[in-house]
Amino acid sequence: TLNISSGGMLLVMDHAPDLLQLLKLHVPIPIQKTHIPTLAEVAWTRPLPMGPQDLHFVGLKFVL
């Protein structure tokens, strides 16, 4: 996870998932040392501008 907010999160993934695809996530909560399961929808993807060709920024919107 590169960035997380109440509305979504930014990930780096080794592939570009389909737009609007639903992903099941386990969001880490460091203070409580636990993970919260949730669903997120792929809002956008972008190839990483530098580095390996198979890495992508993936913007997710929480739906739960």
PDB file of N, CA and C in Angstrom:
ATOM      1  N   THR A   1       0.843  -1.182   0.000  1.00  0.00           N
ATOM      2  CA  THR A   1       0.000   0.000   0.000  1.00  0.00           C
ATOM      3  C   THR A   1       0.883   1.238   0.000  1.00  0.00           C
ATOM      4  N   LEU A   2       0.635   2.125  -0.952  1.00  0.00           N
ATOM      5  CA  LEU A   2       1.382   3.378  -1.000  1.00  0.00           C
ATOM      6  C   LEU A   2       0.635   4.511  -0.311  1.00  0.00           C
ATOM      7  N   ASN A   3      -0.687   4.438  -0.357  1.00  0.00           N
ATOM      8  CA  ASN A   3      -1.503   5.514   0.180  1.00  0.00           C
ATOM      9  C   ASN A   3      -2.855   4.918   0.546  1.00  0.00           C
ATOM     10  N   ILE A   4      -3.413   5.345   1.668  1.00  0.00           N
ATOM     11  CA  ILE A   4      -4.725   4.845   2.078  1.00  0.00           C
ATOM     12  C   ILE A   4      -5.504   5.984   2.720  1.00  0.00           C
ATOM     13  N   SER A   5      -6.813   6.012   2.455  1.00  0.00           N
ATOM     14  CA  SER A   5      -7.698   7.002   3.064  1.00  0.00           C
ATOM     15  C   SER A   5      -9.023   6.312   3.358  1.00  0.00           C
ATOM     16  N   SER A   6      -9.981   7.057   3.854  1.00  0.00           N
ATOM     17  CA  SER A   6     -11.287   6.463   4.145  1.00  0.00           C
ATOM     18  C   SER A   6     -12.029   6.067   2.874  1.00  0.00           C
ATOM     19  N   GLY A   7     -11.645   6.644   1.729  1.00  0.00           N
ATOM     20  CA  GLY A   7     -12.348   6.353   0.479  1.00  0.00           C
ATOM     21  C   GLY A   7     -11.708   5.313  -0.407  1.00  0.00           C
ATOM     22  N   GLY A   8     -10.419   5.031  -0.183  1.00  0.00           N
ATOM     23  CA  GLY A   8      -9.759   4.064  -1.044  1.00  0.00           C
ATOM     24  C   GLY A   8      -8.282   3.955  -0.745  1.00  0.00           C
ATOM     25  N   MET A   9      -7.565   3.344  -1.683  1.00  0.00           N
ATOM     26  CA  MET A   9      -6.134   3.166  -1.485  1.00  0.00           C
ATOM     27  C   MET A   9      -5.420   3.036  -2.817  1.00  0.00           C
ATOM     28  N   LEU A  10      -4.119   3.248  -2.777  1.00  0.00           N
ATOM     29  CA  LEU A  10      -3.260   3.120  -3.948  1.00  0.00           C
ATOM     30  C   LEU A  10      -2.307   1.962  -3.711  1.00  0.00           C
ATOM     31  N   LEU A  11      -2.265   1.045  -4.667  1.00  0.00           N
ATOM     32  CA  LEU A  11      -1.385  -0.116  -4.583  1.00  0.00           C
ATOM     33  C   LEU A  11      -0.433  -0.133  -5.767  1.00  0.00           C
ATOM     34  N   VAL A  12       0.642  -0.883  -5.638  1.00  0.00           N
ATOM     35  CA  VAL A  12       1.476  -1.262  -6.771  1.00  0.00           C
ATOM     36  C   VAL A  12       1.259  -2.758  -6.958  1.00  0.00           C
ATOM     37  N   MET A  13       0.882  -3.138  -8.178  1.00  0.00           N
ATOM     38  CA  MET A  13       0.610  -4.547  -8.464  1.00  0.00           C
ATOM     39  C   MET A  13       1.444  -5.012  -9.649  1.00  0.00           C
ATOM     40  N   ASP A  14       1.619  -6.324  -9.749  1.00  0.00           N
ATOM     41  CA  ASP A  14       2.410  -6.886 -10.845  1.00  0.00           C
ATOM     42  C   ASP A  14       1.590  -7.113 -12.109  1.00  0.00           C
ATOM     43  N   HIS A  15       0.354  -6.651 -12.105  1.00  0.00           N
ATOM     44  CA  HIS A  15      -0.493  -6.689 -13.299  1.00  0.00           C
ATOM     45  C   HIS A  15      -1.540  -5.589 -13.163  1.00  0.00           C
ATOM     46  N   ALA A  16      -2.171  -5.244 -14.264  1.00  0.00           N
ATOM     47  CA  ALA A  16      -3.220  -4.224 -14.246  1.00  0.00           C
ATOM     48  C   ALA A  16      -4.576  -4.926 -14.224  1.00  0.00           C
ATOM     49  N   PRO A  17      -5.279  -4.905 -13.100  1.00  0.00           N
ATOM     50  CA  PRO A  17      -6.603  -5.524 -13.076  1.00  0.00           C
ATOM     51  C   PRO A  17      -7.578  -4.734 -13.947  1.00  0.00           C
ATOM     52  N   ASP A  18      -8.675  -5.360 -14.295  1.00  0.00           N
ATOM     53  CA  ASP A  18      -9.695  -4.698 -15.112  1.00  0.00           C
ATOM     54  C   ASP A  18     -10.350  -3.564 -14.334  1.00  0.00           C
ATOM     55  N   LEU A  19     -10.692  -2.490 -15.041  1.00  0.00           N
ATOM     56  CA  LEU A  19     -11.442  -1.400 -14.416  1.00  0.00           C
ATOM     57  C   LEU A  19     -12.768  -1.942 -13.898  1.00  0.00           C
ATOM     58  N   LEU A  20     -13.196  -1.445 -12.769  1.00  0.00           N
ATOM     59  CA  LEU A  20     -14.430  -1.816 -12.077  1.00  0.00           C
ATOM     60  C   LEU A  20     -14.390  -3.222 -11.478  1.00  0.00           C
ATOM     61  N   GLN A  21     -13.271  -3.917 -11.610  1.00  0.00           N
ATOM     62  CA  GLN A  21     -13.131  -5.235 -10.989  1.00  0.00           C
ATOM     63  C   GLN A  21     -13.196  -5.086  -9.475  1.00  0.00           C
ATOM     64  N   LEU A  22     -13.879  -6.012  -8.803  1.00  0.00           N
ATOM     65  CA  LEU A  22     -13.938  -6.003  -7.346  1.00  0.00           C
ATOM     66  C   LEU A  22     -12.823  -6.875  -6.793  1.00  0.00           C
ATOM     67  N   LEU A  23     -12.144  -6.353  -5.787  1.00  0.00           N
ATOM     68  CA  LEU A  23     -11.064  -7.085  -5.135  1.00  0.00           C
ATOM     69  C   LEU A  23     -11.375  -7.215  -3.650  1.00  0.00           C
ATOM     70  N   LYS A  24     -11.154  -8.394  -3.107  1.00  0.00           N
ATOM     71  CA  LYS A  24     -11.281  -8.594  -1.666  1.00  0.00           C
ATOM     72  C   LYS A  24      -9.931  -8.267  -1.040  1.00  0.00           C
ATOM     73  N   LEU A  25      -9.936  -7.362  -0.077  1.00  0.00           N
ATOM     74  CA  LEU A  25      -8.706  -6.906   0.565  1.00  0.00           C
ATOM     75  C   LEU A  25      -8.762  -7.145   2.065  1.00  0.00           C
ATOM     76  N   HIS A  26      -7.607  -7.220   2.651  1.00  0.00           N
ATOM     77  CA  HIS A  26      -7.470  -7.237   4.107  1.00  0.00           C
ATOM     78  C   HIS A  26      -6.603  -6.031   4.453  1.00  0.00           C
ATOM     79  N   VAL A  27      -7.250  -4.956   4.888  1.00  0.00           N
ATOM     80  CA  VAL A  27      -6.570  -3.689   5.153  1.00  0.00           C
ATOM     81  C   VAL A  27      -5.911  -3.750   6.527  1.00  0.00           C
ATOM     82  N   PRO A  28      -4.591  -3.501   6.580  1.00  0.00           N
ATOM     83  CA  PRO A  28      -3.904  -3.556   7.876  1.00  0.00           C
ATOM     84  C   PRO A  28      -4.249  -2.358   8.757  1.00  0.00           C
ATOM     85  N   ILE A  29      -4.432  -2.627  10.028  1.00  0.00           N
ATOM     86  CA  ILE A  29      -4.650  -1.594  11.043  1.00  0.00           C
ATOM     87  C   ILE A  29      -3.494  -1.731  12.039  1.00  0.00           C
ATOM     88  N   PRO A  30      -2.408  -0.971  11.836  1.00  0.00           N
ATOM     89  CA  PRO A  30      -1.195  -1.167  12.644  1.00  0.00           C
ATOM     90  C   PRO A  30      -1.391  -0.960  14.143  1.00  0.00           C
ATOM     91  N   ILE A  31      -2.209   0.005  14.526  1.00  0.00           N
ATOM     92  CA  ILE A  31      -2.385   0.291  15.955  1.00  0.00           C
ATOM     93  C   ILE A  31      -2.974  -0.917  16.678  1.00  0.00           C
ATOM     94  N   GLN A  32      -3.906  -1.603  16.018  1.00  0.00           N
ATOM     95  CA  GLN A  32      -4.553  -2.757  16.636  1.00  0.00           C
ATOM     96  C   GLN A  32      -3.904  -4.073  16.228  1.00  0.00           C
ATOM     97  N   LYS A  33      -2.892  -4.016  15.369  1.00  0.00           N
ATOM     98  CA  LYS A  33      -2.193  -5.211  14.880  1.00  0.00           C
ATOM     99  C   LYS A  33      -3.174  -6.244  14.334  1.00  0.00           C
ATOM    100  N   THR A  34      -4.058  -5.775  13.465  1.00  0.00           N
ATOM    101  CA  THR A  34      -5.065  -6.645  12.867  1.00  0.00           C
ATOM    102  C   THR A  34      -5.301  -6.221  11.425  1.00  0.00           C
ATOM    103  N   HIS A  35      -6.155  -6.946  10.733  1.00  0.00           N
ATOM    104  CA  HIS A  35      -6.547  -6.629   9.362  1.00  0.00           C
ATOM    105  C   HIS A  35      -8.067  -6.603   9.284  1.00  0.00           C
ATOM    106  N   ILE A  36      -8.601  -5.684   8.491  1.00  0.00           N
ATOM    107  CA  ILE A  36     -10.044  -5.593   8.296  1.00  0.00           C
ATOM    108  C   ILE A  36     -10.357  -6.022   6.868  1.00  0.00           C
ATOM    109  N   PRO A  37     -11.188  -7.055   6.692  1.00  0.00           N
ATOM    110  CA  PRO A  37     -11.560  -7.450   5.327  1.00  0.00           C
ATOM    111  C   PRO A  37     -12.547  -6.445   4.735  1.00  0.00           C
ATOM    112  N   THR A  38     -12.391  -6.156   3.456  1.00  0.00           N
ATOM    113  CA  THR A  38     -13.292  -5.236   2.767  1.00  0.00           C
ATOM    114  C   THR A  38     -13.255  -5.518   1.272  1.00  0.00           C
ATOM    115  N   LEU A  39     -14.142  -4.880   0.542  1.00  0.00           N
ATOM    116  CA  LEU A  39     -14.149  -4.957  -0.915  1.00  0.00           C
ATOM    117  C   LEU A  39     -13.770  -3.604  -1.482  1.00  0.00           C
ATOM    118  N   ALA A  40     -13.034  -3.632  -2.584  1.00  0.00           N
ATOM    119  CA  ALA A  40     -12.651  -2.395  -3.259  1.00  0.00           C
ATOM    120  C   ALA A  40     -12.823  -2.591  -4.758  1.00  0.00           C
ATOM    121  N   GLU A  41     -13.159  -1.502  -5.426  1.00  0.00           N
ATOM    122  CA  GLU A  41     -13.360  -1.505  -6.873  1.00  0.00           C
ATOM    123  C   GLU A  41     -12.178  -0.806  -7.540  1.00  0.00           C
ATOM    124  N   VAL A  42     -11.688  -1.385  -8.624  1.00  0.00           N
ATOM    125  CA  VAL A  42     -10.583  -0.772  -9.363  1.00  0.00           C
ATOM    126  C   VAL A  42     -11.108   0.475 -10.069  1.00  0.00           C
ATOM    127  N   ALA A  43     -10.594   1.635  -9.675  1.00  0.00           N
ATOM    128  CA  ALA A  43     -11.021   2.911 -10.258  1.00  0.00           C
ATOM    129  C   ALA A  43     -10.144   3.305 -11.443  1.00  0.00           C
ATOM    130  N   TRP A  44      -8.847   2.992 -11.362  1.00  0.00           N
ATOM    131  CA  TRP A  44      -7.925   3.335 -12.447  1.00  0.00           C
ATOM    132  C   TRP A  44      -6.642   2.528 -12.307  1.00  0.00           C
ATOM    133  N   THR A  45      -5.908   2.422 -13.400  1.00  0.00           N
ATOM    134  CA  THR A  45      -4.583   1.792 -13.391  1.00  0.00           C
ATOM    135  C   THR A  45      -3.646   2.625 -14.255  1.00  0.00           C
ATOM    136  N   ARG A  46      -2.376   2.618 -13.902  1.00  0.00           N
ATOM    137  CA  ARG A  46      -1.337   3.307 -14.678  1.00  0.00           C
ATOM    138  C   ARG A  46      -0.072   2.464 -14.609  1.00  0.00           C
ATOM    139  N   PRO A  47       0.623   2.298 -15.734  1.00  0.00           N
ATOM    140  CA  PRO A  47       1.914   1.608 -15.657  1.00  0.00           C
ATOM    141  C   PRO A  47       2.906   2.456 -14.862  1.00  0.00           C
ATOM    142  N   LEU A  48       3.763   1.802 -14.125  1.00  0.00           N
ATOM    143  CA  LEU A  48       4.812   2.506 -13.391  1.00  0.00           C
ATOM    144  C   LEU A  48       5.698   3.224 -14.404  1.00  0.00           C
ATOM    145  N   PRO A  49       5.930   4.534 -14.250  1.00  0.00           N
ATOM    146  CA  PRO A  49       6.667   5.273 -15.274  1.00  0.00           C
ATOM    147  C   PRO A  49       8.127   4.851 -15.414  1.00  0.00           C
ATOM    148  N   MET A  50       8.732   4.382 -14.341  1.00  0.00           N
ATOM    149  CA  MET A  50      10.117   3.913 -14.401  1.00  0.00           C
ATOM    150  C   MET A  50      10.198   2.571 -13.695  1.00  0.00           C
ATOM    151  N   GLY A  51      11.121   1.777 -14.113  1.00  0.00           N
ATOM    152  CA  GLY A  51      11.288   0.484 -13.463  1.00  0.00           C
ATOM    153  C   GLY A  51      10.729  -0.634 -14.314  1.00  0.00           C
ATOM    154  N   PRO A  52      10.469  -1.767 -13.692  1.00  0.00           N
ATOM    155  CA  PRO A  52       9.993  -2.932 -14.445  1.00  0.00           C
ATOM    156  C   PRO A  52       8.688  -2.638 -15.185  1.00  0.00           C
ATOM    157  N   GLN A  53       8.573  -3.173 -16.379  1.00  0.00           N
ATOM    158  CA  GLN A  53       7.397  -2.944 -17.221  1.00  0.00           C
ATOM    159  C   GLN A  53       6.142  -3.622 -16.680  1.00  0.00           C
ATOM    160  N   ASP A  54       6.299  -4.588 -15.808  1.00  0.00           N
ATOM    161  CA  ASP A  54       5.140  -5.346 -15.347  1.00  0.00           C
ATOM    162  C   ASP A  54       4.548  -4.815 -14.042  1.00  0.00           C
ATOM    163  N   LEU A  55       4.940  -3.621 -13.599  1.00  0.00           N
ATOM    164  CA  LEU A  55       4.371  -3.048 -12.380  1.00  0.00           C
ATOM    165  C   LEU A  55       3.403  -1.918 -12.726  1.00  0.00           C
ATOM    166  N   HIS A  56       2.321  -1.837 -11.946  1.00  0.00           N
ATOM    167  CA  HIS A  56       1.262  -0.857 -12.213  1.00  0.00           C
ATOM    168  C   HIS A  56       0.796  -0.213 -10.914  1.00  0.00           C
ATOM    169  N   PHE A  57       0.540   1.100 -10.971  1.00  0.00           N
ATOM    170  CA  PHE A  57      -0.205   1.759  -9.905  1.00  0.00           C
ATOM    171  C   PHE A  57      -1.663   1.377 -10.095  1.00  0.00           C
ATOM    172  N   VAL A  58      -2.352   1.070  -9.006  1.00  0.00           N
ATOM    173  CA  VAL A  58      -3.769   0.698  -9.072  1.00  0.00           C
ATOM    174  C   VAL A  58      -4.516   1.513  -8.017  1.00  0.00           C
ATOM    175  N   GLY A  59      -5.446   2.346  -8.469  1.00  0.00           N
ATOM    176  CA  GLY A  59      -6.276   3.137  -7.568  1.00  0.00           C
ATOM    177  C   GLY A  59      -7.555   2.387  -7.255  1.00  0.00           C
ATOM    178  N   LEU A  60      -7.821   2.192  -5.982  1.00  0.00           N
ATOM    179  CA  LEU A  60      -8.992   1.434  -5.546  1.00  0.00           C
ATOM    180  C   LEU A  60      -9.951   2.318  -4.765  1.00  0.00           C
ATOM    181  N   LYS A  61     -11.237   2.068  -4.943  1.00  0.00           N
ATOM    182  CA  LYS A  61     -12.292   2.761  -4.202  1.00  0.00           C
ATOM    183  C   LYS A  61     -12.977   1.734  -3.308  1.00  0.00           C
ATOM    184  N   PHE A  62     -13.030   2.007  -2.005  1.00  0.00           N
ATOM    185  CA  PHE A  62     -13.701   1.083  -1.093  1.00  0.00           C
ATOM    186  C   PHE A  62     -15.200   1.067  -1.379  1.00  0.00           C
ATOM    187  N   VAL A  63     -15.782  -0.118  -1.397  1.00  0.00           N
ATOM    188  CA  VAL A  63     -17.225  -0.235  -1.614  1.00  0.00           C
ATOM    189  C   VAL A  63     -17.936  -0.798  -0.385  1.00  0.00           C
ATOM    190  N   LEU A  64     -17.211  -1.209   0.608  1.00  0.00           N
ATOM    191  CA  LEU A  64     -17.793  -1.664   1.883  1.00  0.00           C
ATOM    192  C   LEU A  64     -17.255  -0.828   3.014  1.00  0.00           C
TER     193      LEU A  64
END
